[in-house]
Amino acid sequence: MASALEKAGILVEALPYIKKFYGKTVVIKYGGHAMVDCALKKAVLTDVVLMKYVGMRPVIVHGGGPEITAMLKKLGIESRFIGGLRVTDDETMEIVEMVLVGKINKEIVSMLNAFGGRAVGLSGKDAGLLQAARKLGRARRPDGTVEMVDIGHVGEITRVDPDIASTLIDQGYIPVISPVAVGADGESYNINADYVAGELAVALGAEKLVILTDVEGILADRRDRDSLISVIHAPEIPDLVARGVIEGGMIPKVECCTRALSGGVGTTHILDGRVAHSILLEVFTDKGIGTMVVG
């Protein structure tokens, strides 16, 4: 009886949030350890299916960095990063597209469908969903100054046409989107999935943007796991970046949160994807986790 009452209490606690987010679009950037650990993968994707069944409109934008790195290593190609972005030459771009679109995307779609969802896989190339231009990387010199350098087929989004994604959502599907785009010159571009998630959240008029990562959130001291910053205001971000509190792969995450907020997205969250059901804990309970970035 106690267990049943506890479950009933959880449902009652979730009710206001179910009502609040019913019919709302939530964009989830899925990446990091939650994509390679089988138990976490199941937890994330069942969370997404549950969100769909209670009336929310989830959209997944996935990364795939670890699997890309593993494939490049198998092929004897070194992985290099500048400012948290992968240096992507012609050969690397072919591997990136193969892994993201041909392998990871279809695995996610298959699992969602197996859990009772109706998922459809897309890349940014489909129906002109994402158009991009070449993006320079932010390289920090030994003296602490920053230099912008060419990092190959790495793109920044110039246009989002959300029609194909909106159509799928309206028809009851869960879009699963690979962060690969095409430029005006016909070249393929690897886009950081955080940026794609942020821009897509704006284009779809999302209520919430959730970014899964491999840390507790943003830490004031990366050596101290108890130094989690629960809330960051967007105007504070440049100073945190300058002081090195936010660096490397966390920079694209906070930048996409800032962009999403300025574009009208309701709330943005950076969550620890290593915690099972972290999405449900954030969306449906009183106890938020991770770092919330607000305007």
C-alpha atoms as a PDB file:
ATOM      1  CA  MET A   1       0.000   0.000   0.000  1.00  0.00           C
ATOM      2  CA  ALA A   2       2.800   2.427   0.870  1.00  0.00           C
ATOM      3  CA  SER A   3       4.413   1.864  -2.511  1.00  0.00           C
ATOM      4  CA  ALA A   4       1.120   2.465  -4.313  1.00  0.00           C
ATOM      5  CA  LEU A   5       0.520   5.682  -2.360  1.00  0.00           C
ATOM      6  CA  GLU A   6       4.016   6.847  -3.188  1.00  0.00           C
ATOM      7  CA  LYS A   7       3.375   6.278  -6.877  1.00  0.00           C
ATOM      8  CA  ALA A   8       0.090   8.144  -6.603  1.00  0.00           C
ATOM      9  CA  GLY A   9       1.909  11.053  -4.975  1.00  0.00           C
ATOM     10  CA  ILE A  10       4.376  11.182  -7.846  1.00  0.00           C
ATOM     11  CA  LEU A  11       1.546  11.323 -10.362  1.00  0.00           C
ATOM     12  CA  VAL A  12      -0.183  14.103  -8.424  1.00  0.00           C
ATOM     13  CA  GLU A  13       3.071  16.079  -8.327  1.00  0.00           C
ATOM     14  CA  ALA A  14       3.463  15.632 -12.084  1.00  0.00           C
ATOM     15  CA  LEU A  15      -0.091  16.757 -12.936  1.00  0.00           C
ATOM     16  CA  PRO A  16       0.531  20.554 -12.963  1.00  0.00           C
ATOM     17  CA  TYR A  17       3.519  20.060 -15.238  1.00  0.00           C
ATOM     18  CA  ILE A  18       1.590  17.761 -17.572  1.00  0.00           C
ATOM     19  CA  LYS A  19      -1.078  20.452 -17.845  1.00  0.00           C
ATOM     20  CA  LYS A  20       1.512  23.200 -18.333  1.00  0.00           C
ATOM     21  CA  PHE A  21       3.373  21.455 -21.126  1.00  0.00           C
ATOM     22  CA  TYR A  22       0.441  19.729 -22.839  1.00  0.00           C
ATOM     23  CA  GLY A  23       0.643  20.517 -26.542  1.00  0.00           C
ATOM     24  CA  LYS A  24       4.002  22.276 -26.127  1.00  0.00           C
ATOM     25  CA  THR A  25       7.117  21.535 -28.169  1.00  0.00           C
ATOM     26  CA  VAL A  26      10.219  20.466 -26.270  1.00  0.00           C
ATOM     27  CA  VAL A  27      13.524  20.176 -28.107  1.00  0.00           C
ATOM     28  CA  ILE A  28      15.990  17.723 -26.567  1.00  0.00           C
ATOM     29  CA  LYS A  29      19.645  17.712 -27.487  1.00  0.00           C
ATOM     30  CA  TYR A  30      20.668  14.104 -26.969  1.00  0.00           C
ATOM     31  CA  GLY A  31      24.374  13.386 -26.662  1.00  0.00           C
ATOM     32  CA  GLY A  32      27.274  12.354 -24.471  1.00  0.00           C
ATOM     33  CA  HIS A  33      27.372   9.294 -22.223  1.00  0.00           C
ATOM     34  CA  ALA A  34      23.597   8.865 -22.428  1.00  0.00           C
ATOM     35  CA  MET A  35      24.072   7.782 -26.045  1.00  0.00           C
ATOM     36  CA  VAL A  36      26.587   5.019 -25.369  1.00  0.00           C
ATOM     37  CA  ASP A  37      25.442   3.518 -22.061  1.00  0.00           C
ATOM     38  CA  CYS A  38      22.616   1.042 -22.816  1.00  0.00           C
ATOM     39  CA  ALA A  39      20.688   1.642 -19.578  1.00  0.00           C
ATOM     40  CA  LEU A  40      20.860   5.435 -19.948  1.00  0.00           C
ATOM     41  CA  LYS A  41      19.919   5.221 -23.603  1.00  0.00           C
ATOM     42  CA  LYS A  42      16.780   3.283 -22.681  1.00  0.00           C
ATOM     43  CA  ALA A  43      15.967   5.767 -19.890  1.00  0.00           C
ATOM     44  CA  VAL A  44      16.264   8.811 -22.160  1.00  0.00           C
ATOM     45  CA  LEU A  45      14.235   7.379 -25.007  1.00  0.00           C
ATOM     46  CA  THR A  46      11.475   6.004 -22.772  1.00  0.00           C
ATOM     47  CA  ASP A  47      11.292   9.478 -21.206  1.00  0.00           C
ATOM     48  CA  VAL A  48      10.739  10.928 -24.676  1.00  0.00           C
ATOM     49  CA  VAL A  49       8.011   8.410 -25.495  1.00  0.00           C
ATOM     50  CA  LEU A  50       6.286   9.134 -22.167  1.00  0.00           C
ATOM     51  CA  MET A  51       6.393  12.859 -22.922  1.00  0.00           C
ATOM     52  CA  LYS A  52       4.672  12.142 -26.214  1.00  0.00           C
ATOM     53  CA  TYR A  53       1.957  10.029 -24.591  1.00  0.00           C
ATOM     54  CA  VAL A  54       1.058  12.757 -22.072  1.00  0.00           C
ATOM     55  CA  GLY A  55       0.510  15.257 -24.856  1.00  0.00           C
ATOM     56  CA  MET A  56       3.878  16.955 -25.293  1.00  0.00           C
ATOM     57  CA  ARG A  57       5.581  17.379 -28.668  1.00  0.00           C
ATOM     58  CA  PRO A  58       9.183  16.192 -28.257  1.00  0.00           C
ATOM     59  CA  VAL A  59      11.869  16.653 -30.890  1.00  0.00           C
ATOM     60  CA  ILE A  60      15.313  15.067 -30.641  1.00  0.00           C
ATOM     61  CA  VAL A  61      18.497  16.561 -32.044  1.00  0.00           C
ATOM     62  CA  HIS A  62      21.319  14.102 -31.523  1.00  0.00           C
ATOM     63  CA  GLY A  63      25.062  14.337 -31.487  1.00  0.00           C
ATOM     64  CA  GLY A  64      27.462  11.441 -31.803  1.00  0.00           C
ATOM     65  CA  GLY A  65      30.914  12.711 -30.912  1.00  0.00           C
ATOM     66  CA  PRO A  66      32.165   9.584 -29.110  1.00  0.00           C
ATOM     67  CA  GLU A  67      31.050   7.275 -31.927  1.00  0.00           C
ATOM     68  CA  ILE A  68      32.574   9.553 -34.562  1.00  0.00           C
ATOM     69  CA  THR A  69      35.836   9.638 -32.618  1.00  0.00           C
ATOM     70  CA  ALA A  70      35.787   5.844 -32.255  1.00  0.00           C
ATOM     71  CA  MET A  71      35.215   5.342 -35.981  1.00  0.00           C
ATOM     72  CA  LEU A  72      37.954   7.811 -36.893  1.00  0.00           C
ATOM     73  CA  LYS A  73      40.322   5.994 -34.531  1.00  0.00           C
ATOM     74  CA  LYS A  74      39.521   2.672 -36.211  1.00  0.00           C
ATOM     75  CA  LEU A  75      40.425   4.246 -39.528  1.00  0.00           C
ATOM     76  CA  GLY A  76      43.630   5.749 -38.171  1.00  0.00           C
ATOM     77  CA  ILE A  77      42.427   9.352 -38.378  1.00  0.00           C
ATOM     78  CA  GLU A  78      43.299  11.683 -35.506  1.00  0.00           C
ATOM     79  CA  SER A  79      40.508  13.712 -33.897  1.00  0.00           C
ATOM     80  CA  ARG A  80      41.295  17.370 -33.193  1.00  0.00           C
ATOM     81  CA  PHE A  81      39.129  19.981 -31.512  1.00  0.00           C
ATOM     82  CA  ILE A  82      39.321  23.767 -31.422  1.00  0.00           C
ATOM     83  CA  GLY A  83      37.027  25.692 -29.101  1.00  0.00           C
ATOM     84  CA  GLY A  84      34.978  22.563 -28.493  1.00  0.00           C
ATOM     85  CA  LEU A  85      34.355  22.013 -32.230  1.00  0.00           C
ATOM     86  CA  ARG A  86      35.712  19.106 -34.263  1.00  0.00           C
ATOM     87  CA  VAL A  87      38.188  19.999 -37.010  1.00  0.00           C
ATOM     88  CA  THR A  88      36.515  18.444 -40.068  1.00  0.00           C
ATOM     89  CA  ASP A  89      38.433  17.950 -43.327  1.00  0.00           C
ATOM     90  CA  ASP A  90      36.953  16.250 -46.423  1.00  0.00           C
ATOM     91  CA  GLU A  91      37.721  12.721 -45.237  1.00  0.00           C
ATOM     92  CA  THR A  92      36.437  13.379 -41.725  1.00  0.00           C
ATOM     93  CA  MET A  93      33.217  14.870 -43.096  1.00  0.00           C
ATOM     94  CA  GLU A  94      32.431  11.651 -44.957  1.00  0.00           C
ATOM     95  CA  ILE A  95      32.847   9.653 -41.752  1.00  0.00           C
ATOM     96  CA  VAL A  96      30.820  12.168 -39.720  1.00  0.00           C
ATOM     97  CA  GLU A  97      27.884  11.939 -42.110  1.00  0.00           C
ATOM     98  CA  MET A  98      28.056   8.169 -42.289  1.00  0.00           C
ATOM     99  CA  VAL A  99      28.032   7.774 -38.506  1.00  0.00           C
ATOM    100  CA  LEU A 100      25.454  10.461 -37.701  1.00  0.00           C
ATOM    101  CA  VAL A 101      22.939   9.908 -40.485  1.00  0.00           C
ATOM    102  CA  GLY A 102      23.485   6.297 -41.456  1.00  0.00           C
ATOM    103  CA  LYS A 103      24.070   4.722 -38.048  1.00  0.00           C
ATOM    104  CA  ILE A 104      23.149   6.730 -34.951  1.00  0.00           C
ATOM    105  CA  ASN A 105      20.003   8.353 -36.326  1.00  0.00           C
ATOM    106  CA  LYS A 106      18.506   5.042 -37.385  1.00  0.00           C
ATOM    107  CA  GLU A 107      19.383   3.377 -34.080  1.00  0.00           C
ATOM    108  CA  ILE A 108      17.546   6.103 -32.140  1.00  0.00           C
ATOM    109  CA  VAL A 109      14.525   5.883 -34.436  1.00  0.00           C
ATOM    110  CA  SER A 110      14.395   2.100 -34.078  1.00  0.00           C
ATOM    111  CA  MET A 111      14.552   2.258 -30.267  1.00  0.00           C
ATOM    112  CA  LEU A 112      11.859   4.929 -30.015  1.00  0.00           C
ATOM    113  CA  ASN A 113       9.584   2.864 -32.216  1.00  0.00           C
ATOM    114  CA  ALA A 114      10.300  -0.249 -30.151  1.00  0.00           C
ATOM    115  CA  PHE A 115       9.269   1.646 -26.989  1.00  0.00           C
ATOM    116  CA  GLY A 116       5.931   2.611 -28.523  1.00  0.00           C
ATOM    117  CA  GLY A 117       6.785   5.917 -30.176  1.00  0.00           C
ATOM    118  CA  ARG A 118       6.365   6.886 -33.813  1.00  0.00           C
ATOM    119  CA  ALA A 119       9.735   8.304 -34.782  1.00  0.00           C
ATOM    120  CA  VAL A 120      11.066   9.518 -38.138  1.00  0.00           C
ATOM    121  CA  GLY A 121      14.728  10.228 -38.828  1.00  0.00           C
ATOM    122  CA  LEU A 122      15.887  13.340 -40.671  1.00  0.00           C
ATOM    123  CA  SER A 123      19.146  15.059 -41.420  1.00  0.00           C
ATOM    124  CA  GLY A 124      19.437  18.798 -41.815  1.00  0.00           C
ATOM    125  CA  LYS A 125      19.654  18.216 -45.561  1.00  0.00           C
ATOM    126  CA  ASP A 126      16.127  16.823 -45.812  1.00  0.00           C
ATOM    127  CA  ALA A 127      13.615  19.242 -47.345  1.00  0.00           C
ATOM    128  CA  GLY A 128      16.078  22.109 -46.763  1.00  0.00           C
ATOM    129  CA  LEU A 129      15.659  21.840 -42.990  1.00  0.00           C
ATOM    130  CA  LEU A 130      19.090  23.331 -42.255  1.00  0.00           C
ATOM    131  CA  GLN A 131      21.257  25.536 -44.444  1.00  0.00           C
ATOM    132  CA  ALA A 132      24.726  26.526 -43.323  1.00  0.00           C
ATOM    133  CA  ALA A 133      27.914  28.419 -44.088  1.00  0.00           C
ATOM    134  CA  ARG A 134      31.480  27.765 -42.959  1.00  0.00           C
ATOM    135  CA  LYS A 135      32.183  28.548 -39.305  1.00  0.00           C
ATOM    136  CA  LEU A 136      35.525  29.570 -37.840  1.00  0.00           C
ATOM    137  CA  GLY A 137      36.794  28.046 -34.625  1.00  0.00           C
ATOM    138  CA  ARG A 138      37.801  29.950 -31.494  1.00  0.00           C
ATOM    139  CA  ALA A 139      41.412  29.036 -30.660  1.00  0.00           C
ATOM    140  CA  ARG A 140      42.960  30.304 -27.433  1.00  0.00           C
ATOM    141  CA  ARG A 141      46.634  31.319 -27.719  1.00  0.00           C
ATOM    142  CA  PRO A 142      49.148  30.619 -24.924  1.00  0.00           C
ATOM    143  CA  ASP A 143      48.891  34.258 -23.839  1.00  0.00           C
ATOM    144  CA  GLY A 144      45.148  33.856 -23.316  1.00  0.00           C
ATOM    145  CA  THR A 145      44.000  35.825 -26.363  1.00  0.00           C
ATOM    146  CA  VAL A 146      41.615  34.266 -28.877  1.00  0.00           C
ATOM    147  CA  GLU A 147      42.235  33.681 -32.585  1.00  0.00           C
ATOM    148  CA  MET A 148      39.568  32.657 -35.120  1.00  0.00           C
ATOM    149  CA  VAL A 149      40.780  29.845 -37.409  1.00  0.00           C
ATOM    150  CA  ASP A 150      39.426  27.706 -40.275  1.00  0.00           C
ATOM    151  CA  ILE A 151      38.353  24.254 -39.043  1.00  0.00           C
ATOM    152  CA  GLY A 152      37.050  22.806 -42.319  1.00  0.00           C
ATOM    153  CA  HIS A 153      33.533  21.493 -42.939  1.00  0.00           C
ATOM    154  CA  VAL A 154      32.162  22.912 -39.729  1.00  0.00           C
ATOM    155  CA  GLY A 155      29.127  25.057 -40.309  1.00  0.00           C
ATOM    156  CA  GLU A 156      26.991  27.668 -38.681  1.00  0.00           C
ATOM    157  CA  ILE A 157      23.315  27.756 -39.479  1.00  0.00           C
ATOM    158  CA  THR A 158      22.174  30.467 -41.855  1.00  0.00           C
ATOM    159  CA  ARG A 159      18.575  29.351 -42.328  1.00  0.00           C
ATOM    160  CA  VAL A 160      16.096  26.942 -40.768  1.00  0.00           C
ATOM    161  CA  ASP A 161      13.037  25.783 -42.688  1.00  0.00           C
ATOM    162  CA  PRO A 162      11.061  23.854 -40.053  1.00  0.00           C
ATOM    163  CA  ASP A 163       8.180  22.832 -42.332  1.00  0.00           C
ATOM    164  CA  ILE A 164       9.150  19.159 -42.594  1.00  0.00           C
ATOM    165  CA  ALA A 165       9.679  18.873 -38.830  1.00  0.00           C
ATOM    166  CA  SER A 166       6.439  20.754 -38.071  1.00  0.00           C
ATOM    167  CA  THR A 167       4.496  18.518 -40.436  1.00  0.00           C
ATOM    168  CA  LEU A 168       5.810  15.392 -38.755  1.00  0.00           C
ATOM    169  CA  ILE A 169       5.048  16.768 -35.281  1.00  0.00           C
ATOM    170  CA  ASP A 170       1.504  17.704 -36.301  1.00  0.00           C
ATOM    171  CA  GLN A 171       0.992  14.178 -37.641  1.00  0.00           C
ATOM    172  CA  GLY A 172       1.991  12.656 -34.303  1.00  0.00           C
ATOM    173  CA  TYR A 173       5.580  11.692 -35.080  1.00  0.00           C
ATOM    174  CA  ILE A 174       8.751  12.298 -33.080  1.00  0.00           C
ATOM    175  CA  PRO A 175      11.373  13.873 -35.388  1.00  0.00           C
ATOM    176  CA  VAL A 176      14.944  12.690 -34.792  1.00  0.00           C
ATOM    177  CA  ILE A 177      17.393  15.066 -36.444  1.00  0.00           C
ATOM    178  CA  SER A 178      21.066  14.616 -37.363  1.00  0.00           C
ATOM    179  CA  PRO A 179      23.138  17.834 -37.262  1.00  0.00           C
ATOM    180  CA  VAL A 180      24.347  17.725 -40.866  1.00  0.00           C
ATOM    181  CA  ALA A 181      23.510  20.586 -43.229  1.00  0.00           C
ATOM    182  CA  VAL A 182      24.214  21.750 -46.754  1.00  0.00           C
ATOM    183  CA  GLY A 183      25.669  25.072 -47.860  1.00  0.00           C
ATOM    184  CA  ALA A 184      24.741  27.305 -50.785  1.00  0.00           C
ATOM    185  CA  ASP A 185      27.761  25.825 -52.556  1.00  0.00           C
ATOM    186  CA  GLY A 186      26.410  22.285 -52.134  1.00  0.00           C
ATOM    187  CA  GLU A 187      29.049  21.355 -49.548  1.00  0.00           C
ATOM    188  CA  SER A 188      28.138  19.252 -46.532  1.00  0.00           C
ATOM    189  CA  TYR A 189      28.669  20.772 -43.119  1.00  0.00           C
ATOM    190  CA  ASN A 190      29.020  19.235 -39.689  1.00  0.00           C
ATOM    191  CA  ILE A 191      27.115  21.434 -37.241  1.00  0.00           C
ATOM    192  CA  ASN A 192      27.495  21.256 -33.509  1.00  0.00           C
ATOM    193  CA  ALA A 193      24.298  19.585 -32.299  1.00  0.00           C
ATOM    194  CA  ASP A 194      23.904  22.134 -29.496  1.00  0.00           C
ATOM    195  CA  TYR A 195      23.624  24.958 -32.027  1.00  0.00           C
ATOM    196  CA  VAL A 196      21.175  22.946 -34.136  1.00  0.00           C
ATOM    197  CA  ALA A 197      19.000  22.285 -31.100  1.00  0.00           C
ATOM    198  CA  GLY A 198      18.954  25.975 -30.177  1.00  0.00           C
ATOM    199  CA  GLU A 199      18.089  27.211 -33.659  1.00  0.00           C
ATOM    200  CA  LEU A 200      15.477  24.522 -34.170  1.00  0.00           C
ATOM    201  CA  ALA A 201      13.878  25.335 -30.819  1.00  0.00           C
ATOM    202  CA  VAL A 202      13.469  28.939 -31.977  1.00  0.00           C
ATOM    203  CA  ALA A 203      12.137  27.964 -35.412  1.00  0.00           C
ATOM    204  CA  LEU A 204       9.583  25.561 -33.899  1.00  0.00           C
ATOM    205  CA  GLY A 205       8.487  27.993 -31.189  1.00  0.00           C
ATOM    206  CA  ALA A 206       9.486  25.499 -28.494  1.00  0.00           C
ATOM    207  CA  GLU A 207       8.477  25.988 -24.882  1.00  0.00           C
ATOM    208  CA  LYS A 208      11.593  24.294 -23.546  1.00  0.00           C
ATOM    209  CA  LEU A 209      15.099  23.379 -24.687  1.00  0.00           C
ATOM    210  CA  VAL A 210      16.854  20.569 -22.811  1.00  0.00           C
ATOM    211  CA  ILE A 211      20.542  19.809 -23.373  1.00  0.00           C
ATOM    212  CA  LEU A 212      21.962  16.559 -22.024  1.00  0.00           C
ATOM    213  CA  THR A 213      25.645  16.573 -21.142  1.00  0.00           C
ATOM    214  CA  ASP A 214      28.208  14.545 -19.186  1.00  0.00           C
ATOM    215  CA  VAL A 215      28.568  16.796 -16.154  1.00  0.00           C
ATOM    216  CA  GLU A 216      26.236  17.908 -13.372  1.00  0.00           C
ATOM    217  CA  GLY A 217      25.689  21.222 -15.136  1.00  0.00           C
ATOM    218  CA  ILE A 218      27.878  24.316 -15.057  1.00  0.00           C
ATOM    219  CA  LEU A 219      30.299  24.216 -12.145  1.00  0.00           C
ATOM    220  CA  ALA A 220      31.834  27.323 -10.578  1.00  0.00           C
ATOM    221  CA  ASP A 221      34.904  25.141  -9.924  1.00  0.00           C
ATOM    222  CA  ARG A 222      35.283  22.166 -12.255  1.00  0.00           C
ATOM    223  CA  ARG A 223      37.240  20.326  -9.529  1.00  0.00           C
ATOM    224  CA  ASP A 224      34.355  20.646  -7.084  1.00  0.00           C
ATOM    225  CA  ARG A 225      31.208  18.704  -7.979  1.00  0.00           C
ATOM    226  CA  ASP A 226      29.312  20.559  -5.264  1.00  0.00           C
ATOM    227  CA  SER A 227      29.864  23.943  -6.935  1.00  0.00           C
ATOM    228  CA  LEU A 228      26.939  23.557  -9.332  1.00  0.00           C
ATOM    229  CA  ILE A 229      25.465  26.857 -10.521  1.00  0.00           C
ATOM    230  CA  SER A 230      21.711  26.227 -10.539  1.00  0.00           C
ATOM    231  CA  VAL A 231      20.738  29.369 -12.458  1.00  0.00           C
ATOM    232  CA  ILE A 232      22.783  31.523 -14.826  1.00  0.00           C
ATOM    233  CA  HIS A 233      21.508  34.756 -16.339  1.00  0.00           C
ATOM    234  CA  ALA A 234      22.480  35.267 -19.975  1.00  0.00           C
ATOM    235  CA  PRO A 235      24.323  38.593 -19.350  1.00  0.00           C
ATOM    236  CA  GLU A 236      26.695  36.736 -16.982  1.00  0.00           C
ATOM    237  CA  ILE A 237      27.905  34.322 -19.665  1.00  0.00           C
ATOM    238  CA  PRO A 238      30.611  36.444 -21.402  1.00  0.00           C
ATOM    239  CA  ASP A 239      32.382  37.026 -18.080  1.00  0.00           C
ATOM    240  CA  LEU A 240      32.176  33.328 -17.167  1.00  0.00           C
ATOM    241  CA  VAL A 241      33.696  32.422 -20.537  1.00  0.00           C
ATOM    242  CA  ALA A 242      36.446  35.028 -20.173  1.00  0.00           C
ATOM    243  CA  ARG A 243      37.352  33.658 -16.724  1.00  0.00           C
ATOM    244  CA  GLY A 244      37.409  30.072 -17.995  1.00  0.00           C
ATOM    245  CA  VAL A 245      34.504  28.938 -15.811  1.00  0.00           C
ATOM    246  CA  ILE A 246      32.731  28.050 -19.049  1.00  0.00           C
ATOM    247  CA  GLU A 247      35.082  26.626 -21.671  1.00  0.00           C
ATOM    248  CA  GLY A 248      35.532  23.971 -24.330  1.00  0.00           C
ATOM    249  CA  GLY A 249      32.415  21.968 -25.149  1.00  0.00           C
ATOM    250  CA  MET A 250      30.291  23.886 -22.645  1.00  0.00           C
ATOM    251  CA  ILE A 251      30.613  27.089 -24.709  1.00  0.00           C
ATOM    252  CA  PRO A 252      28.316  25.908 -27.539  1.00  0.00           C
ATOM    253  CA  LYS A 253      25.794  24.745 -24.950  1.00  0.00           C
ATOM    254  CA  VAL A 254      25.442  28.107 -23.211  1.00  0.00           C
ATOM    255  CA  GLU A 255      25.541  29.961 -26.520  1.00  0.00           C
ATOM    256  CA  CYS A 256      22.670  27.910 -27.887  1.00  0.00           C
ATOM    257  CA  CYS A 257      20.704  28.487 -24.674  1.00  0.00           C
ATOM    258  CA  THR A 258      21.232  32.236 -25.014  1.00  0.00           C
ATOM    259  CA  ARG A 259      20.197  32.166 -28.665  1.00  0.00           C
ATOM    260  CA  ALA A 260      17.089  30.131 -27.848  1.00  0.00           C
ATOM    261  CA  LEU A 261      16.029  32.523 -25.093  1.00  0.00           C
ATOM    262  CA  SER A 262      16.503  35.564 -27.298  1.00  0.00           C
ATOM    263  CA  GLY A 263      14.411  33.826 -29.961  1.00  0.00           C
ATOM    264  CA  GLY A 264      11.443  33.307 -27.654  1.00  0.00           C
ATOM    265  CA  VAL A 265      12.003  29.827 -26.186  1.00  0.00           C
ATOM    266  CA  GLY A 266      10.475  29.690 -22.708  1.00  0.00           C
ATOM    267  CA  THR A 267      13.195  27.972 -20.661  1.00  0.00           C
ATOM    268  CA  THR A 268      16.557  26.299 -21.318  1.00  0.00           C
ATOM    269  CA  HIS A 269      18.269  23.626 -19.244  1.00  0.00           C
ATOM    270  CA  ILE A 270      21.655  21.893 -19.203  1.00  0.00           C
ATOM    271  CA  LEU A 271      21.177  18.512 -17.526  1.00  0.00           C
ATOM    272  CA  ASP A 272      23.402  15.633 -16.456  1.00  0.00           C
ATOM    273  CA  GLY A 273      22.555  12.904 -18.951  1.00  0.00           C
ATOM    274  CA  ARG A 274      24.336  10.366 -16.753  1.00  0.00           C
ATOM    275  CA  VAL A 275      21.424  10.529 -14.314  1.00  0.00           C
ATOM    276  CA  ALA A 276      18.696   8.099 -15.355  1.00  0.00           C
ATOM    277  CA  HIS A 277      15.411   9.854 -16.228  1.00  0.00           C
ATOM    278  CA  SER A 278      16.971  13.301 -15.760  1.00  0.00           C
ATOM    279  CA  ILE A 279      14.514  14.680 -18.333  1.00  0.00           C
ATOM    280  CA  LEU A 280      11.501  13.494 -16.350  1.00  0.00           C
ATOM    281  CA  LEU A 281      12.997  14.846 -13.133  1.00  0.00           C
ATOM    282  CA  GLU A 282      13.391  18.252 -14.758  1.00  0.00           C
ATOM    283  CA  VAL A 283      10.084  18.410 -16.597  1.00  0.00           C
ATOM    284  CA  PHE A 284       7.650  16.709 -14.218  1.00  0.00           C
ATOM    285  CA  THR A 285       8.867  17.279 -10.657  1.00  0.00           C
ATOM    286  CA  ASP A 286       9.341  20.179  -8.249  1.00  0.00           C
ATOM    287  CA  LYS A 287      13.068  19.475  -7.917  1.00  0.00           C
ATOM    288  CA  GLY A 288      14.925  20.810 -10.934  1.00  0.00           C
ATOM    289  CA  ILE A 289      18.417  19.499 -11.613  1.00  0.00           C
ATOM    290  CA  GLY A 290      21.373  20.777 -13.583  1.00  0.00           C
ATOM    291  CA  THR A 291      21.770  24.410 -14.667  1.00  0.00           C
ATOM    292  CA  MET A 292      18.965  26.574 -15.953  1.00  0.00           C
ATOM    293  CA  VAL A 293      20.008  29.426 -18.260  1.00  0.00           C
ATOM    294  CA  VAL A 294      17.572  32.329 -18.194  1.00  0.00           C
ATOM    295  CA  GLY A 295      17.379  35.696 -19.899  1.00  0.00           C
END
